[in-house]
Each structure stands twice: as structure tokens, then as C-alpha cells.
C-alpha atoms as a PDB file:
ATOM      1  CA  MET A   1      -6.405  -7.951   1.006  1.00  0.00           C
ATOM      2  CA  SER A   2      -3.695  -7.030   3.496  1.00  0.00           C
ATOM      3  CA  GLN A   3      -0.930  -9.521   4.232  1.00  0.00           C
ATOM      4  CA  TRP A   4       2.084 -10.323   6.375  1.00  0.00           C
ATOM      5  CA  LEU A   5       5.306 -10.153   4.352  1.00  0.00           C
ATOM      6  CA  LEU A   6       8.782 -11.556   4.840  1.00  0.00           C
ATOM      7  CA  ILE A   7      12.005 -10.197   3.349  1.00  0.00           C
ATOM      8  CA  CYS A   8      14.546 -12.661   2.021  1.00  0.00           C
ATOM      9  CA  PRO A   9      17.985 -12.041   3.621  1.00  0.00           C
ATOM     10  CA  HIS A  10      19.694 -13.364   0.475  1.00  0.00           C
ATOM     11  CA  CYS A  11      18.023 -11.364  -2.321  1.00  0.00           C
ATOM     12  CA  ASP A  12      16.048  -8.690  -0.356  1.00  0.00           C
ATOM     13  CA  HIS A  13      12.772  -9.471  -2.150  1.00  0.00           C
ATOM     14  CA  ARG A  14       9.541  -9.209  -0.173  1.00  0.00           C
ATOM     15  CA  PHE A  15       7.140 -12.111  -0.410  1.00  0.00           C
ATOM     16  CA  GLY A  16       3.708 -12.772   1.045  1.00  0.00           C
ATOM     17  CA  HIS A  17       3.363 -15.160   3.955  1.00  0.00           C
ATOM     18  CA  VAL A  18      -0.176 -14.920   5.406  1.00  0.00           C
ATOM     19  CA  LYS A  19      -3.245 -12.943   4.331  1.00  0.00           C
ATOM     20  CA  ILE A  20      -4.796 -10.611   6.931  1.00  0.00           C
ATOM     21  CA  THR A  21      -8.571 -10.348   6.954  1.00  0.00           C
ATOM     22  CA  ASP A  22     -10.213  -6.926   7.032  1.00  0.00           C
ATOM     23  CA  ALA A  23     -11.824  -7.906  10.348  1.00  0.00           C
ATOM     24  CA  ALA A  24      -8.384  -8.523  11.900  1.00  0.00           C
ATOM     25  CA  VAL A  25      -7.147  -5.124  10.671  1.00  0.00           C
ATOM     26  CA  GLN A  26     -10.188  -3.391  12.153  1.00  0.00           C
ATOM     27  CA  GLU A  27      -9.707  -5.236  15.467  1.00  0.00           C
ATOM     28  CA  ALA A  28      -6.068  -4.101  15.611  1.00  0.00           C
ATOM     29  CA  TYR A  29      -7.160  -0.474  15.178  1.00  0.00           C
ATOM     30  CA  ARG A  30      -9.715  -0.844  18.004  1.00  0.00           C
ATOM     31  CA  ASP A  31      -7.289  -2.577  20.407  1.00  0.00           C
ATOM     32  CA  SER A  32      -6.552   0.027  23.090  1.00  0.00           C
ATOM     33  CA  HIS A  33      -3.883  -2.201  24.713  1.00  0.00           C
ATOM     34  CA  GLY A  34      -1.675  -2.354  21.622  1.00  0.00           C
ATOM     35  CA  THR A  35      -1.661  -6.143  21.478  1.00  0.00           C
ATOM     36  CA  ASP A  36       0.618  -7.375  18.704  1.00  0.00           C
ATOM     37  CA  ALA A  37      -1.521  -9.109  16.096  1.00  0.00           C
ATOM     38  CA  LYS A  38       1.362 -10.889  14.375  1.00  0.00           C
ATOM     39  CA  PRO A  39       0.888 -14.627  13.914  1.00  0.00           C
ATOM     40  CA  ASP A  40       3.244 -16.854  15.890  1.00  0.00           C
ATOM     41  CA  LEU A  41       5.744 -18.460  13.500  1.00  0.00           C
ATOM     42  CA  GLY A  42       7.954 -20.001  16.121  1.00  0.00           C
ATOM     43  CA  GLU A  43      11.116 -20.519  14.105  1.00  0.00           C
ATOM     44  CA  LYS A  44      10.219 -21.615  10.619  1.00  0.00           C
ATOM     45  CA  LYS A  45      12.365 -22.482   7.603  1.00  0.00           C
ATOM     46  CA  LEU A  46      10.874 -21.044   4.436  1.00  0.00           C
ATOM     47  CA  THR A  47      12.102 -20.909   0.847  1.00  0.00           C
ATOM     48  CA  CYS A  48      12.165 -17.584  -0.988  1.00  0.00           C
ATOM     49  CA  PRO A  49      10.013 -17.819  -4.137  1.00  0.00           C
ATOM     50  CA  TYR A  50      12.498 -15.553  -5.975  1.00  0.00           C
ATOM     51  CA  CYS A  51      15.998 -16.916  -5.247  1.00  0.00           C
ATOM     52  CA  GLN A  52      14.913 -20.350  -3.910  1.00  0.00           C
ATOM     53  CA  MET A  53      17.198 -19.999  -0.868  1.00  0.00           C
ATOM     54  CA  GLU A  54      15.950 -21.374   2.440  1.00  0.00           C
ATOM     55  CA  SER A  55      16.087 -19.147   5.542  1.00  0.00           C
ATOM     56  CA  LEU A  56      14.945 -19.311   9.145  1.00  0.00           C
ATOM     57  CA  TYR A  57      12.231 -16.773  10.039  1.00  0.00           C
ATOM     58  CA  GLY A  58      10.627 -15.746  13.313  1.00  0.00           C
ATOM     59  CA  ARG A  59       7.659 -13.613  14.289  1.00  0.00           C
ATOM     60  CA  PHE A  60       9.816 -10.478  14.442  1.00  0.00           C
ATOM     61  CA  HIS A  61      10.581 -10.817  10.695  1.00  0.00           C
ATOM     62  CA  LEU A  62       6.946 -10.250   9.701  1.00  0.00           C
ATOM     63  CA  ILE A  63       6.030  -6.924   8.082  1.00  0.00           C
ATOM     64  CA  CYS A  64       2.420  -5.824   7.728  1.00  0.00           C
ATOM     65  CA  GLU A  65       1.348  -4.616   4.288  1.00  0.00           C
ATOM     66  CA  LEU A  66      -2.103  -3.039   4.348  1.00  0.00           C
ATOM     67  CA  ASP A  67      -4.171  -2.605   1.197  1.00  0.00           C
ATOM     68  CA  SER A  68      -3.593   1.161   1.406  1.00  0.00           C
ATOM     69  CA  ASP A  69       0.189   0.524   1.460  1.00  0.00           C
ATOM     70  CA  LYS A  70       0.008  -1.562  -1.716  1.00  0.00           C
ATOM     71  CA  ALA A  71      -1.490   1.376  -3.577  1.00  0.00           C
ATOM     72  CA  LYS A  72       1.457   3.522  -2.416  1.00  0.00           C
ATOM     73  CA  GLY A  73       4.025   0.769  -3.108  1.00  0.00           C
ATOM     74  CA  LYS A  74       5.319   0.359   0.447  1.00  0.00           C
ATOM     75  CA  GLY A  75       5.011  -1.938   3.482  1.00  0.00           C
ATOM     76  CA  VAL A  76       4.595  -0.861   7.085  1.00  0.00           C
END
């Protein structure tokens, strides 16, 4: 399943934040207005599962990783 990722500013590891349903991915492809489908985080403090450092994240930090990207080893 596709997911929204965050990148830790301390250790540069990517970690999953929210799963994206296939229906949401299909809707984004059909959206002729280009509406941004990112979830609204506000400003949220999250802890990196790798280095355990806490950082403040916003909606603009989210990176979409589609299932097809996982097979290629990259995020969008």
C-alpha cells in the first residue's frame, strides 16, 4: 500500500506516517483541478523511529511513496 513518508532532519532516514488507500491514489489521478491530497498535519511533533529524536513536522514535509515507487526504491 502507498504511504506518506517523513524524512528525519537529524539522521535523514525516511519513515512512514500515514497509509494511502488505493482509492485515494486513483482519485488524485482523476482530479483535474490538481487538489493537493496531503493530509493536514498542522504542526506536529513526532519522534523518528531510527534516531529517537523529536522534530516538528508540517504538511509540506510529507512525501508520497506509491507502491510502484517502492519496487524501484524511491519516493516521489
